[in-house]
Amino acid sequence: MTTSKAEKAASLTLQAYKIFHTKNGEKVLTDLAKECGLFVPSSSLDPQALAFREGQREVVHKLLTLSNMKMADLHKLFVNDYRNNSQGED
């Protein structure tokens, strides 16, 4: 029995959805967004640093696409996490 590319993609999307639409999955995505500066403009003018950071951001974009999560939803999680950790907790 062979599995088509579309079936594999649908299966991967379903798996990602199940993972990243949980509290732990949301924490992972929020942390990745923080680490790669997804919602913060880059202050570097170095082309290599900009390219590296853009590559990091693309990973988060891919995970959002796979999990069928909107950027706005991740931004809400990010802002809520930032507000909840504003007392210096990490």
N, C-alpha and C. Protein backbone atom coordinates (compact mmCIF):
# COMPACT_ATOMS: atom_id res chain seq x y z
N MET A 1 0.84 -1.18 0.00
CA MET A 1 0.00 0.00 0.00
C MET A 1 0.89 1.24 0.00
N THR A 2 0.68 2.11 -0.95
CA THR A 2 1.47 3.33 -1.02
C THR A 2 0.66 4.52 -0.51
N THR A 3 1.38 5.45 0.07
CA THR A 3 0.75 6.65 0.59
C THR A 3 1.16 7.82 -0.30
N SER A 4 0.18 8.56 -0.76
CA SER A 4 0.48 9.69 -1.63
C SER A 4 1.08 10.84 -0.83
N LYS A 5 1.71 11.77 -1.54
CA LYS A 5 2.28 12.95 -0.89
C LYS A 5 1.19 13.76 -0.19
N ALA A 6 0.04 13.84 -0.78
CA ALA A 6 -1.06 14.60 -0.17
C ALA A 6 -1.50 13.95 1.13
N GLU A 7 -1.55 12.62 1.15
CA GLU A 7 -1.94 11.91 2.38
C GLU A 7 -0.90 12.09 3.48
N LYS A 8 0.39 12.04 3.08
CA LYS A 8 1.46 12.26 4.05
C LYS A 8 1.40 13.68 4.61
N ALA A 9 1.17 14.66 3.74
CA ALA A 9 1.08 16.05 4.17
C ALA A 9 -0.11 16.25 5.11
N ALA A 10 -1.22 15.64 4.79
CA ALA A 10 -2.41 15.75 5.64
C ALA A 10 -2.17 15.10 7.00
N SER A 11 -1.48 13.98 7.00
CA SER A 11 -1.17 13.29 8.25
C SER A 11 -0.23 14.14 9.11
N LEU A 12 0.78 14.75 8.48
CA LEU A 12 1.72 15.59 9.20
C LEU A 12 1.02 16.83 9.77
N THR A 13 0.12 17.41 9.00
CA THR A 13 -0.65 18.57 9.46
C THR A 13 -1.50 18.19 10.66
N LEU A 14 -2.13 17.05 10.61
CA LEU A 14 -2.96 16.58 11.73
C LEU A 14 -2.11 16.35 12.97
N GLN A 15 -0.95 15.75 12.80
CA GLN A 15 -0.06 15.52 13.94
C GLN A 15 0.40 16.84 14.55
N ALA A 16 0.79 17.78 13.70
CA ALA A 16 1.24 19.09 14.18
C ALA A 16 0.11 19.82 14.89
N TYR A 17 -1.10 19.71 14.35
CA TYR A 17 -2.26 20.35 14.97
C TYR A 17 -2.46 19.79 16.38
N LYS A 18 -2.40 18.47 16.50
CA LYS A 18 -2.60 17.82 17.80
C LYS A 18 -1.53 18.23 18.81
N ILE A 19 -0.32 18.47 18.34
CA ILE A 19 0.78 18.84 19.23
C ILE A 19 0.69 20.31 19.65
N PHE A 20 0.57 21.20 18.67
CA PHE A 20 0.71 22.62 18.95
C PHE A 20 -0.57 23.30 19.41
N HIS A 21 -1.66 22.59 19.43
CA HIS A 21 -2.90 23.15 19.96
C HIS A 21 -3.18 22.59 21.36
N THR A 22 -2.10 22.31 22.08
CA THR A 22 -2.18 21.93 23.49
C THR A 22 -1.44 23.02 24.28
N LYS A 23 -1.62 23.04 25.58
CA LYS A 23 -0.92 24.04 26.41
C LYS A 23 0.59 23.93 26.25
N ASN A 24 1.11 22.71 26.28
CA ASN A 24 2.56 22.53 26.13
C ASN A 24 3.04 22.92 24.74
N GLY A 25 2.27 22.57 23.73
CA GLY A 25 2.63 22.95 22.37
C GLY A 25 2.62 24.46 22.18
N GLU A 26 1.64 25.12 22.78
CA GLU A 26 1.58 26.58 22.71
C GLU A 26 2.79 27.20 23.40
N LYS A 27 3.23 26.60 24.52
CA LYS A 27 4.41 27.11 25.21
C LYS A 27 5.65 26.98 24.34
N VAL A 28 5.76 25.86 23.65
CA VAL A 28 6.91 25.65 22.76
C VAL A 28 6.92 26.69 21.64
N LEU A 29 5.78 26.90 21.00
CA LEU A 29 5.71 27.89 19.92
C LEU A 29 6.00 29.29 20.44
N THR A 30 5.47 29.62 21.60
CA THR A 30 5.72 30.93 22.18
C THR A 30 7.20 31.13 22.48
N ASP A 31 7.84 30.10 23.02
CA ASP A 31 9.27 30.19 23.30
C ASP A 31 10.07 30.34 22.01
N LEU A 32 9.71 29.59 20.99
CA LEU A 32 10.40 29.71 19.71
C LEU A 32 10.23 31.12 19.13
N ALA A 33 9.03 31.67 19.24
CA ALA A 33 8.78 33.02 18.74
C ALA A 33 9.66 34.03 19.47
N LYS A 34 9.83 33.82 20.79
CA LYS A 34 10.70 34.70 21.57
C LYS A 34 12.15 34.56 21.14
N GLU A 35 12.61 33.32 21.08
CA GLU A 35 14.02 33.05 20.78
C GLU A 35 14.45 33.57 19.41
N CYS A 36 13.56 33.49 18.44
CA CYS A 36 13.94 33.91 17.09
C CYS A 36 13.52 35.35 16.80
N GLY A 37 12.95 36.03 17.78
CA GLY A 37 12.58 37.44 17.60
C GLY A 37 11.49 37.64 16.58
N LEU A 38 10.52 36.75 16.58
CA LEU A 38 9.46 36.80 15.57
C LEU A 38 8.69 38.10 15.59
N PHE A 39 8.44 38.65 16.76
CA PHE A 39 7.63 39.86 16.87
C PHE A 39 8.44 41.09 17.24
N VAL A 40 9.77 41.01 17.07
CA VAL A 40 10.64 42.12 17.41
C VAL A 40 11.48 42.46 16.18
N PRO A 41 11.54 43.72 15.81
CA PRO A 41 12.35 44.08 14.64
C PRO A 41 13.84 43.84 14.92
N SER A 42 14.56 43.49 13.89
CA SER A 42 15.99 43.25 14.02
C SER A 42 16.72 44.58 14.11
N SER A 43 17.68 44.64 15.01
CA SER A 43 18.46 45.87 15.16
C SER A 43 19.79 45.79 14.43
N SER A 44 20.10 44.65 13.87
CA SER A 44 21.37 44.46 13.18
C SER A 44 21.25 44.87 11.71
N LEU A 45 22.31 45.44 11.20
CA LEU A 45 22.37 45.78 9.77
C LEU A 45 23.27 44.81 9.02
N ASP A 46 23.83 43.85 9.74
CA ASP A 46 24.69 42.84 9.13
C ASP A 46 23.84 41.88 8.30
N PRO A 47 24.12 41.77 6.99
CA PRO A 47 23.31 40.90 6.13
C PRO A 47 23.30 39.43 6.57
N GLN A 48 24.41 38.94 7.08
CA GLN A 48 24.46 37.55 7.53
C GLN A 48 23.59 37.35 8.77
N ALA A 49 23.64 38.30 9.68
CA ALA A 49 22.81 38.20 10.89
C ALA A 49 21.33 38.28 10.53
N LEU A 50 21.00 39.16 9.59
CA LEU A 50 19.60 39.28 9.15
C LEU A 50 19.13 37.99 8.48
N ALA A 51 19.98 37.41 7.64
CA ALA A 51 19.62 36.16 6.96
C ALA A 51 19.45 35.02 7.96
N PHE A 52 20.33 34.96 8.95
CA PHE A 52 20.23 33.92 9.98
C PHE A 52 18.93 34.06 10.75
N ARG A 53 18.60 35.28 11.15
CA ARG A 53 17.37 35.51 11.91
C ARG A 53 16.14 35.19 11.07
N GLU A 54 16.18 35.54 9.81
CA GLU A 54 15.05 35.23 8.92
C GLU A 54 14.88 33.71 8.80
N GLY A 55 15.97 32.99 8.77
CA GLY A 55 15.90 31.52 8.74
C GLY A 55 15.25 30.97 9.99
N GLN A 56 15.57 31.55 11.13
CA GLN A 56 14.93 31.14 12.38
C GLN A 56 13.43 31.39 12.33
N ARG A 57 13.06 32.54 11.83
CA ARG A 57 11.64 32.89 11.74
C ARG A 57 10.89 31.95 10.81
N GLU A 58 11.54 31.51 9.75
CA GLU A 58 10.89 30.60 8.80
C GLU A 58 10.52 29.28 9.45
N VAL A 59 11.31 28.83 10.41
CA VAL A 59 10.98 27.59 11.12
C VAL A 59 9.65 27.75 11.85
N VAL A 60 9.47 28.88 12.53
CA VAL A 60 8.22 29.12 13.24
C VAL A 60 7.07 29.24 12.25
N HIS A 61 7.29 29.91 11.13
CA HIS A 61 6.24 30.02 10.10
C HIS A 61 5.83 28.64 9.59
N LYS A 62 6.80 27.77 9.39
CA LYS A 62 6.50 26.41 8.92
C LYS A 62 5.66 25.65 9.95
N LEU A 63 6.02 25.78 11.22
CA LEU A 63 5.26 25.11 12.27
C LEU A 63 3.84 25.67 12.36
N LEU A 64 3.69 26.97 12.18
CA LEU A 64 2.35 27.57 12.18
C LEU A 64 1.53 27.03 11.02
N THR A 65 2.14 26.93 9.87
CA THR A 65 1.45 26.42 8.70
C THR A 65 1.03 24.97 8.91
N LEU A 66 1.96 24.16 9.41
CA LEU A 66 1.66 22.75 9.64
C LEU A 66 0.55 22.56 10.66
N SER A 67 0.56 23.39 11.70
CA SER A 67 -0.43 23.21 12.77
C SER A 67 -1.71 23.99 12.51
N ASN A 68 -1.77 24.67 11.37
CA ASN A 68 -2.96 25.43 11.00
C ASN A 68 -3.31 26.49 12.06
N MET A 69 -2.25 27.13 12.58
CA MET A 69 -2.43 28.19 13.56
C MET A 69 -2.14 29.53 12.88
N LYS A 70 -2.91 30.52 13.22
CA LYS A 70 -2.73 31.85 12.64
C LYS A 70 -1.67 32.61 13.43
N MET A 71 -0.97 33.50 12.72
CA MET A 71 0.04 34.33 13.35
C MET A 71 -0.59 35.17 14.47
N ALA A 72 -1.81 35.63 14.27
CA ALA A 72 -2.50 36.44 15.28
C ALA A 72 -2.71 35.63 16.57
N ASP A 73 -3.01 34.34 16.43
CA ASP A 73 -3.18 33.49 17.61
C ASP A 73 -1.87 33.34 18.37
N LEU A 74 -0.78 33.15 17.63
CA LEU A 74 0.53 33.04 18.27
C LEU A 74 0.89 34.37 18.94
N HIS A 75 0.57 35.47 18.29
CA HIS A 75 0.88 36.78 18.88
C HIS A 75 0.15 36.97 20.21
N LYS A 76 -1.11 36.54 20.28
CA LYS A 76 -1.86 36.63 21.54
C LYS A 76 -1.18 35.81 22.63
N LEU A 77 -0.75 34.60 22.29
CA LEU A 77 -0.04 33.75 23.25
C LEU A 77 1.26 34.43 23.70
N PHE A 78 1.96 35.02 22.74
CA PHE A 78 3.24 35.70 23.00
C PHE A 78 3.03 36.87 23.95
N VAL A 79 2.03 37.70 23.67
CA VAL A 79 1.76 38.87 24.50
C VAL A 79 1.32 38.44 25.90
N ASN A 80 0.46 37.45 25.99
CA ASN A 80 0.03 36.95 27.30
C ASN A 80 1.20 36.38 28.10
N ASP A 81 2.08 35.66 27.43
CA ASP A 81 3.25 35.09 28.10
C ASP A 81 4.17 36.21 28.59
N TYR A 82 4.36 37.22 27.76
CA TYR A 82 5.22 38.35 28.13
C TYR A 82 4.65 39.07 29.35
N ARG A 83 3.35 39.30 29.35
CA ARG A 83 2.71 39.96 30.49
C ARG A 83 2.79 39.13 31.75
N ASN A 84 2.62 37.82 31.62
CA ASN A 84 2.66 36.95 32.79
C ASN A 84 4.06 36.79 33.37
N ASN A 85 5.09 36.98 32.53
CA ASN A 85 6.48 36.83 32.98
C ASN A 85 7.17 38.17 33.20
N SER A 86 6.42 39.25 33.27
CA SER A 86 7.04 40.58 33.36
C SER A 86 7.69 40.86 34.70
N GLN A 87 7.47 40.01 35.70
CA GLN A 87 8.10 40.22 37.00
C GLN A 87 9.52 39.65 37.04
N GLY A 88 10.08 39.32 35.90
CA GLY A 88 11.46 38.83 35.86
C GLY A 88 11.58 37.33 35.80
N GLU A 89 10.46 36.63 35.76
CA GLU A 89 10.52 35.18 35.62
C GLU A 89 10.89 34.84 34.20
N ASP A 90 11.55 33.70 34.03
CA ASP A 90 11.88 33.26 32.69
C ASP A 90 11.25 31.98 32.34
